[in-house]
Amino acid sequence: MLNRILYLVYLLILCLSGCQQHNTGKTVEISNFSTSYRINGKKLHTNTDIFFPRKMILFNDSTVIFTEKRSEYCVKVLSIRYDTANLIFEFAGKGNGPDDFVMGVTNIQRDIHNSYEGIWVADIQSVKFYSYDNKLNSWRNISDIKMLPSKVIPSSHSFVTNSGLLCYSTAVDNQISISLSSANNGLTGYDFYPVNPNPYDKLFSKTIYSADIGIKPDKSKIALAYLFYKSVCIVSLDNPETPLFLKFKDEPFIHLSKNKEGYDTEAIRSLPLQYVDIYTTDSLIYVLYAGTTNDKLENHSQESMPDAMSIHIFKWDGTALCILNLDRIINCFCVDETNGIIYGIDPTVEENAVIYQFVIPELPKI
């Protein structure tokens, strides 16, 4: 699980990424969630192997899509029917062809592009749009977005906004780079760090503040969930200079000391993982919380760690809504709010990953 998130974080690239913005955001401390639930996962039977899932999205109420790291194809499409999840299509192969992804896929995002329903698929070099053909029950690449110069955006995750590109980057200068227009090569860089003042240098900050990003479907805001900090950052794309940071009183921020050799990056592996995945809808932010080390998660048993993970739910205004305590280990998930279902994948099973279905209880009014 840790390797999934740190895969590109450790590929730190030295380059420039535009003008840095110093954020003067607001920090809100949260005592706890006022409401919590325990929900149990039901295993879904599947006809496909799942080795190393990284990101999962809901396409419609009967279709989920996820990215696969260790497979010939990077993207797999599953049809959900009752207690089964069957593979119906796979695409975005690994290779050097015109429709391939050399380094594997870093992000997928559901969207409507040129009146077509489909998903954006991104790696560190390109962003492609695949539309769904109802008649042929297939997916095809209909559009490529020209990435901005690689010397400017060494991105590890890319998101398409209404007006251009938003890239999460391992560049030294900035954590996030935003192009206001896909036709404009100008970029503005931002660092959304939950600790102020930031005690770390630019290089180490990209590792210690590693974050997963969710974009609001209407593309007005983004949310960052930090891997090593129990903190969420909400950013309006109209005003990214003033982010809202949410932190918890019961989880003090870590501080790693620096010696003459520099920061001990190996010490990161012993830190408890906090937020390991994020899923966003128009109304809510869902973040997957671990609160334990990677080793314990990978070597868990359902009997000894029945409450190892939970999903924290926030409103876009920063309100801490509730917490869902899971009885299963998962590393990625998606949410079907219409039908009240969460789908999650457990990648730690020895032979094949397991897909679970969780029923969402009636949540507090939003």
Protein backbone atom coordinates (compact mmCIF):
# COMPACT_ATOMS: atom_id res chain seq x y z
CA MET A 1 0.00 0.00 0.00
CA LEU A 2 2.80 2.40 0.91
CA ASN A 3 4.65 1.49 -2.30
CA ARG A 4 1.59 2.50 -4.34
CA ILE A 5 1.58 6.01 -2.97
CA LEU A 6 5.34 6.51 -2.77
CA TYR A 7 6.02 5.00 -6.19
CA LEU A 8 6.72 8.35 -7.82
CA VAL A 9 7.27 10.45 -4.71
CA TYR A 10 10.81 9.06 -4.49
CA LEU A 11 11.47 9.89 -8.17
CA LEU A 12 12.32 13.46 -7.26
CA ILE A 13 13.12 15.53 -10.32
CA LEU A 14 15.16 18.70 -10.14
CA CYS A 15 13.64 21.42 -12.29
CA LEU A 16 11.79 24.72 -12.26
CA SER A 17 7.97 24.82 -12.18
CA GLY A 18 6.86 28.42 -12.35
CA CYS A 19 6.27 31.12 -9.79
CA GLN A 20 5.85 29.88 -6.23
CA GLN A 21 2.84 31.06 -4.25
CA HIS A 22 3.04 31.35 -0.47
CA ASN A 23 -0.27 30.22 0.94
CA THR A 24 -1.82 32.13 3.80
CA GLY A 25 -4.65 29.75 4.45
CA LYS A 26 -6.79 29.07 7.49
CA THR A 27 -6.36 26.09 9.86
CA VAL A 28 -9.30 24.54 11.69
CA GLU A 29 -8.73 22.09 14.54
CA ILE A 30 -11.17 19.17 14.82
CA SER A 31 -11.76 17.49 18.16
CA ASN A 32 -13.51 14.42 16.76
CA PHE A 33 -16.38 13.27 14.61
CA SER A 34 -19.70 13.61 16.39
CA THR A 35 -21.13 10.54 14.62
CA SER A 36 -19.56 7.18 13.79
CA TYR A 37 -20.80 3.93 12.28
CA ARG A 38 -19.44 0.44 11.85
CA ILE A 39 -20.03 -1.08 8.41
CA ASN A 40 -19.24 -4.59 7.23
CA GLY A 41 -17.86 -5.53 3.82
CA LYS A 42 -19.36 -8.21 1.60
CA LYS A 43 -16.95 -10.01 -0.71
CA LEU A 44 -17.80 -9.84 -4.41
CA HIS A 45 -16.94 -12.76 -6.68
CA THR A 46 -14.84 -11.75 -9.68
CA ASN A 47 -13.55 -13.34 -12.89
CA THR A 48 -10.31 -11.38 -13.13
CA ASP A 49 -6.98 -11.17 -11.36
CA ILE A 50 -6.25 -7.96 -9.49
CA PHE A 51 -2.63 -7.64 -8.43
CA PHE A 52 -1.85 -4.06 -7.45
CA PRO A 53 -4.81 -1.62 -7.70
CA ARG A 54 -3.97 2.05 -7.28
CA LYS A 55 -7.05 4.17 -8.00
CA MET A 56 -10.77 3.37 -8.26
CA ILE A 57 -13.71 5.39 -9.62
CA LEU A 58 -17.43 4.88 -10.13
CA PHE A 59 -18.50 5.30 -13.76
CA ASN A 60 -22.17 4.51 -13.24
CA ASP A 61 -24.25 2.55 -10.75
CA SER A 62 -23.21 -0.79 -12.28
CA THR A 63 -19.67 -0.04 -13.45
CA VAL A 64 -16.45 0.63 -11.55
CA ILE A 65 -13.06 1.34 -13.08
CA PHE A 66 -9.67 0.92 -11.45
CA THR A 67 -6.01 1.24 -12.39
CA GLU A 68 -3.68 -1.72 -12.18
CA LYS A 69 0.06 -1.40 -11.72
CA ARG A 70 1.27 -4.93 -12.41
CA SER A 71 -0.75 -5.92 -15.43
CA GLU A 72 -0.51 -5.73 -19.22
CA TYR A 73 -3.31 -3.15 -19.20
CA CYS A 74 -3.34 -0.21 -16.82
CA VAL A 75 -7.11 0.31 -16.69
CA LYS A 76 -9.77 -2.34 -16.00
CA VAL A 77 -13.55 -1.97 -16.18
CA LEU A 78 -15.79 -4.11 -13.96
CA SER A 79 -19.51 -4.67 -14.17
CA ILE A 80 -21.17 -5.00 -10.75
CA ARG A 81 -24.20 -7.28 -10.52
CA TYR A 82 -25.49 -8.37 -7.12
CA ASP A 83 -22.56 -10.25 -5.51
CA THR A 84 -20.29 -10.38 -8.59
CA ALA A 85 -17.79 -7.99 -10.16
CA ASN A 86 -16.82 -9.19 -13.63
CA LEU A 87 -14.20 -7.80 -16.00
CA ILE A 88 -15.86 -6.45 -19.16
CA PHE A 89 -13.08 -4.37 -20.70
CA GLU A 90 -9.44 -3.39 -20.23
CA PHE A 91 -7.35 -0.80 -22.04
CA ALA A 92 -4.40 1.62 -21.72
CA GLY A 93 -1.64 -0.90 -22.30
CA LYS A 94 1.96 -0.58 -21.19
CA GLY A 95 4.44 0.01 -23.98
CA ASN A 96 5.70 2.52 -26.52
CA GLY A 97 2.77 2.56 -28.92
CA PRO A 98 0.65 5.64 -29.68
CA ASP A 99 -2.08 4.51 -27.28
CA ASP A 100 0.22 3.11 -24.60
CA PHE A 101 1.42 4.43 -21.27
CA VAL A 102 5.14 3.96 -20.81
CA MET A 103 5.33 4.52 -17.06
CA GLY A 104 1.91 3.20 -16.09
CA VAL A 105 -1.19 5.21 -15.23
CA THR A 106 -1.09 7.66 -12.31
CA ASN A 107 -4.68 8.89 -12.33
CA ILE A 108 -8.15 8.37 -13.80
CA GLN A 109 -11.01 10.86 -13.68
CA ARG A 110 -14.62 10.58 -14.86
CA ASP A 111 -15.73 13.48 -17.06
CA ILE A 112 -17.73 14.65 -20.08
CA HIS A 113 -15.51 15.90 -22.91
CA ASN A 114 -16.85 17.25 -26.21
CA SER A 115 -20.29 15.82 -25.28
CA TYR A 116 -18.83 12.33 -24.76
CA GLU A 117 -18.99 10.48 -21.45
CA GLY A 118 -15.74 8.85 -20.46
CA ILE A 119 -12.61 9.11 -18.37
CA TRP A 120 -9.33 10.95 -18.47
CA VAL A 121 -6.32 8.66 -18.12
CA ALA A 122 -3.00 10.23 -17.16
CA ASP A 123 0.61 9.22 -16.72
CA ILE A 124 3.62 11.46 -16.14
CA GLN A 125 3.81 12.37 -19.84
CA SER A 126 0.30 12.53 -21.24
CA VAL A 127 -3.42 12.89 -20.60
CA LYS A 128 -5.84 10.96 -22.83
CA PHE A 129 -9.64 10.88 -22.90
CA TYR A 130 -11.40 7.55 -23.47
CA SER A 131 -15.08 7.64 -24.34
CA TYR A 132 -17.54 4.83 -23.72
CA ASP A 133 -19.42 3.45 -26.75
CA ASN A 134 -22.78 2.07 -25.61
CA LYS A 135 -23.47 0.28 -28.90
CA LEU A 136 -20.13 -1.52 -29.02
CA ASN A 137 -19.74 -1.73 -25.23
CA SER A 138 -16.15 -0.59 -25.62
CA TRP A 139 -13.78 2.25 -24.85
CA ARG A 140 -11.74 4.28 -27.34
CA ASN A 141 -9.26 7.12 -27.14
CA ILE A 142 -10.78 10.20 -28.75
CA SER A 143 -8.61 13.00 -27.44
CA ASP A 144 -5.08 13.69 -26.25
CA ILE A 145 -4.13 16.73 -24.20
CA LYS A 146 -0.76 18.19 -25.06
CA MET A 147 1.20 18.34 -21.85
CA LEU A 148 3.08 21.49 -21.05
CA PRO A 149 6.89 21.33 -21.46
CA SER A 150 8.38 18.51 -19.40
CA LYS A 151 11.04 20.87 -18.06
CA VAL A 152 8.18 22.77 -16.45
CA ILE A 153 5.88 19.95 -15.27
CA PRO A 154 7.56 16.78 -14.01
CA SER A 155 4.12 15.61 -12.82
CA SER A 156 3.31 12.38 -11.05
CA HIS A 157 -0.46 12.91 -11.14
CA SER A 158 -2.45 15.03 -13.57
CA PHE A 159 -6.00 16.31 -13.46
CA VAL A 160 -7.94 18.07 -16.18
CA THR A 161 -9.89 21.17 -15.15
CA ASN A 162 -12.40 23.15 -17.20
CA SER A 163 -9.70 25.59 -18.22
CA GLY A 164 -6.51 23.58 -18.32
CA LEU A 165 -4.34 21.25 -16.30
CA LEU A 166 -3.67 20.79 -12.63
CA CYS A 167 -0.63 18.67 -11.86
CA TYR A 168 0.63 17.16 -8.63
CA SER A 169 4.36 17.24 -8.95
CA THR A 170 7.53 15.83 -7.48
CA ALA A 171 9.42 18.87 -8.73
CA VAL A 172 11.60 20.59 -6.19
CA ASP A 173 10.00 24.00 -6.48
CA ASN A 174 6.27 23.35 -6.11
CA GLN A 175 3.90 20.65 -4.96
CA ILE A 176 1.15 21.62 -7.42
CA SER A 177 1.28 23.44 -10.75
CA ILE A 178 -1.80 24.94 -12.37
CA SER A 179 -2.20 26.05 -15.96
CA LEU A 180 -5.13 28.41 -16.34
CA SER A 181 -5.59 27.34 -19.95
CA SER A 182 -4.58 24.23 -21.90
CA ALA A 183 -3.42 26.57 -24.67
CA ASN A 184 -1.31 28.63 -22.29
CA ASN A 185 2.12 27.41 -21.29
CA GLY A 186 2.21 29.68 -18.28
CA LEU A 187 2.10 27.92 -14.92
CA THR A 188 1.62 28.99 -11.35
CA GLY A 189 3.03 26.81 -8.57
CA TYR A 190 1.61 26.23 -5.09
CA ASP A 191 2.72 24.44 -1.95
CA PHE A 192 -0.12 23.25 0.27
CA TYR A 193 1.77 22.17 3.37
CA PRO A 194 -0.23 21.54 6.58
CA VAL A 195 2.60 22.73 8.84
CA ASN A 196 3.32 26.45 9.08
CA PRO A 197 6.11 27.41 9.19
CA ASN A 198 7.42 24.50 7.18
CA PRO A 199 10.55 23.10 8.91
CA TYR A 200 11.74 21.09 5.90
CA ASP A 201 13.64 21.99 2.76
CA LYS A 202 12.03 21.87 -0.69
CA LEU A 203 13.39 18.44 -1.58
CA PHE A 204 12.30 16.63 1.59
CA SER A 205 8.94 18.42 1.69
CA LYS A 206 7.80 16.54 -1.43
CA THR A 207 8.15 13.27 0.49
CA ILE A 208 6.97 14.14 3.98
CA TYR A 209 3.93 16.04 2.65
CA SER A 210 2.96 13.40 0.11
CA ALA A 211 -0.75 13.74 -0.60
CA ASP A 212 -3.51 12.16 -2.64
CA ILE A 213 -5.74 14.62 -4.48
CA GLY A 214 -9.45 14.56 -5.24
CA ILE A 215 -11.10 17.06 -7.56
CA LYS A 216 -14.70 18.13 -7.08
CA PRO A 217 -16.71 16.94 -10.10
CA ASP A 218 -17.77 20.50 -10.95
CA LYS A 219 -14.02 21.33 -10.98
CA SER A 220 -14.34 24.26 -8.60
CA LYS A 221 -12.25 22.81 -5.76
CA ILE A 222 -9.64 20.21 -4.91
CA ALA A 223 -8.93 18.36 -1.67
CA LEU A 224 -5.58 17.00 -0.53
CA ALA A 225 -5.35 14.12 1.95
CA TYR A 226 -1.88 13.72 3.48
CA LEU A 227 -0.20 10.34 3.81
CA PHE A 228 1.78 11.10 6.99
CA TYR A 229 -0.40 13.83 8.53
CA LYS A 230 -3.94 13.46 9.80
CA SER A 231 -4.94 16.50 7.83
CA VAL A 232 -7.04 17.47 4.81
CA CYS A 233 -6.59 20.63 2.75
CA ILE A 234 -9.47 22.12 0.75
CA VAL A 235 -8.56 24.52 -2.05
CA SER A 236 -10.80 26.66 -4.22
CA LEU A 237 -9.37 26.84 -7.73
CA ASP A 238 -10.73 30.39 -8.01
CA ASN A 239 -8.66 31.39 -5.00
CA PRO A 240 -5.87 28.84 -4.43
CA GLU A 241 -3.82 31.27 -2.35
CA THR A 242 -6.08 30.79 0.69
CA PRO A 243 -6.51 27.06 1.38
CA LEU A 244 -8.44 25.61 4.32
CA PHE A 245 -6.45 23.11 6.41
CA LEU A 246 -8.26 20.62 8.66
CA LYS A 247 -6.24 19.00 11.44
CA PHE A 248 -7.10 16.84 14.45
CA LYS A 249 -6.28 17.66 18.05
CA ASP A 250 -5.69 13.98 18.91
CA GLU A 251 -2.96 13.54 16.28
CA PRO A 252 0.01 15.90 16.74
CA PHE A 253 2.08 16.52 13.66
CA ILE A 254 5.33 14.61 13.39
CA HIS A 255 8.67 16.38 13.19
CA LEU A 256 11.74 14.59 11.85
CA SER A 257 15.11 15.97 12.87
CA LYS A 258 17.92 16.70 10.49
CA ASN A 259 21.50 15.56 11.00
CA LYS A 260 24.65 16.37 9.05
CA GLU A 261 23.71 13.76 6.42
CA GLY A 262 20.27 15.30 6.01
CA TYR A 263 16.82 13.94 6.82
CA ASP A 264 16.44 10.24 7.48
CA THR A 265 14.13 9.22 4.65
CA GLU A 266 14.15 5.62 5.86
CA ALA A 267 12.44 6.77 9.05
CA ILE A 268 9.38 7.53 6.95
CA ARG A 269 8.75 3.81 6.49
CA SER A 270 8.18 3.40 10.21
CA LEU A 271 5.68 6.25 10.42
CA PRO A 272 1.97 5.46 10.78
CA LEU A 273 0.06 5.96 7.54
CA GLN A 274 -2.74 8.49 7.89
CA TYR A 275 -4.81 9.15 4.76
CA VAL A 276 -4.09 6.60 2.03
CA ASP A 277 -6.81 7.40 -0.53
CA ILE A 278 -9.44 10.02 -1.32
CA TYR A 279 -12.72 10.05 -3.23
CA THR A 280 -14.73 13.19 -3.91
CA THR A 281 -18.29 13.88 -5.00
CA ASP A 282 -20.15 17.15 -5.53
CA SER A 283 -21.37 17.11 -1.95
CA LEU A 284 -18.74 15.29 0.13
CA ILE A 285 -15.07 14.39 0.58
CA TYR A 286 -14.33 10.77 1.57
CA VAL A 287 -10.84 9.93 2.83
CA LEU A 288 -9.51 6.49 3.76
CA TYR A 289 -7.74 6.54 7.13
CA ALA A 290 -5.28 3.91 8.37
CA GLY A 291 -3.59 5.26 11.51
CA THR A 292 -1.13 2.36 11.52
CA THR A 293 2.11 1.35 9.81
CA ASN A 294 2.42 -0.14 6.37
CA ASP A 295 3.92 -3.36 7.77
CA LYS A 296 0.92 -3.95 10.04
CA LEU A 297 -1.48 -3.41 7.17
CA GLU A 298 0.36 -5.76 4.83
CA ASN A 299 0.62 -8.50 7.45
CA HIS A 300 -2.81 -8.12 8.99
CA SER A 301 -5.43 -10.73 9.70
CA GLN A 302 -9.10 -9.86 9.77
CA GLU A 303 -9.37 -11.45 13.20
CA SER A 304 -6.63 -9.41 14.85
CA MET A 305 -7.31 -6.06 13.11
CA PRO A 306 -11.07 -5.76 12.58
CA ASP A 307 -10.99 -1.95 12.96
CA ALA A 308 -7.77 -1.23 11.12
CA MET A 309 -9.25 1.29 8.70
CA SER A 310 -12.01 3.86 8.49
CA ILE A 311 -13.44 6.39 6.07
CA HIS A 312 -13.63 10.00 7.23
CA ILE A 313 -16.32 12.11 5.59
CA PHE A 314 -16.13 15.91 5.27
CA LYS A 315 -18.24 18.56 3.62
CA TRP A 316 -16.57 20.90 1.15
CA ASP A 317 -16.89 23.73 3.66
CA GLY A 318 -14.63 21.80 6.04
CA THR A 319 -17.33 20.35 8.33
CA ALA A 320 -16.31 16.97 9.81
CA LEU A 321 -19.49 15.01 9.09
CA CYS A 322 -18.93 11.44 10.33
CA ILE A 323 -16.67 8.40 10.35
CA LEU A 324 -17.31 4.92 8.91
CA ASN A 325 -15.35 2.16 10.67
CA LEU A 326 -14.59 -0.70 8.29
CA ASP A 327 -14.19 -4.37 9.14
CA ARG A 328 -11.86 -4.91 6.15
CA ILE A 329 -8.51 -3.67 4.87
CA ILE A 330 -8.68 -1.76 1.58
CA ASN A 331 -6.25 0.52 -0.24
CA CYS A 332 -8.56 2.20 -2.75
CA PHE A 333 -12.28 2.76 -3.00
CA CYS A 334 -15.13 4.55 -4.76
CA VAL A 335 -18.54 5.73 -3.60
CA ASP A 336 -21.99 5.29 -5.14
CA GLU A 337 -23.97 7.92 -3.23
CA THR A 338 -27.18 7.29 -5.18
CA ASN A 339 -27.42 3.68 -4.07
CA GLY A 340 -25.57 4.09 -0.77
CA ILE A 341 -22.66 1.76 -1.55
CA ILE A 342 -18.88 1.90 -1.16
CA TYR A 343 -16.65 -0.42 -3.20
CA GLY A 344 -13.15 -1.15 -1.92
CA ILE A 345 -10.24 -3.40 -2.89
CA ASP A 346 -7.97 -5.31 -0.50
CA PRO A 347 -4.58 -5.80 -2.24
CA THR A 348 -2.91 -7.69 0.63
CA VAL A 349 -4.49 -11.09 -0.03
CA GLU A 350 -1.86 -13.65 -1.06
CA GLU A 351 -3.28 -14.89 -4.39
CA ASN A 352 -5.68 -12.24 -5.69
CA ALA A 353 -7.01 -8.94 -4.43
CA VAL A 354 -10.56 -8.99 -3.04
CA ILE A 355 -13.35 -6.56 -3.92
CA TYR A 356 -15.72 -5.63 -1.09
CA GLN A 357 -19.09 -3.91 -1.06
CA PHE A 358 -20.06 -1.79 1.96
CA VAL A 359 -23.56 -0.43 2.56
CA ILE A 360 -23.51 3.21 3.70
CA PRO A 361 -25.79 3.96 6.66
CA GLU A 362 -28.04 6.99 6.70
CA LEU A 363 -25.63 9.88 7.20
CA PRO A 364 -26.28 13.10 9.12
CA LYS A 365 -28.06 15.73 7.06
CA ILE A 366 -25.69 17.71 4.87
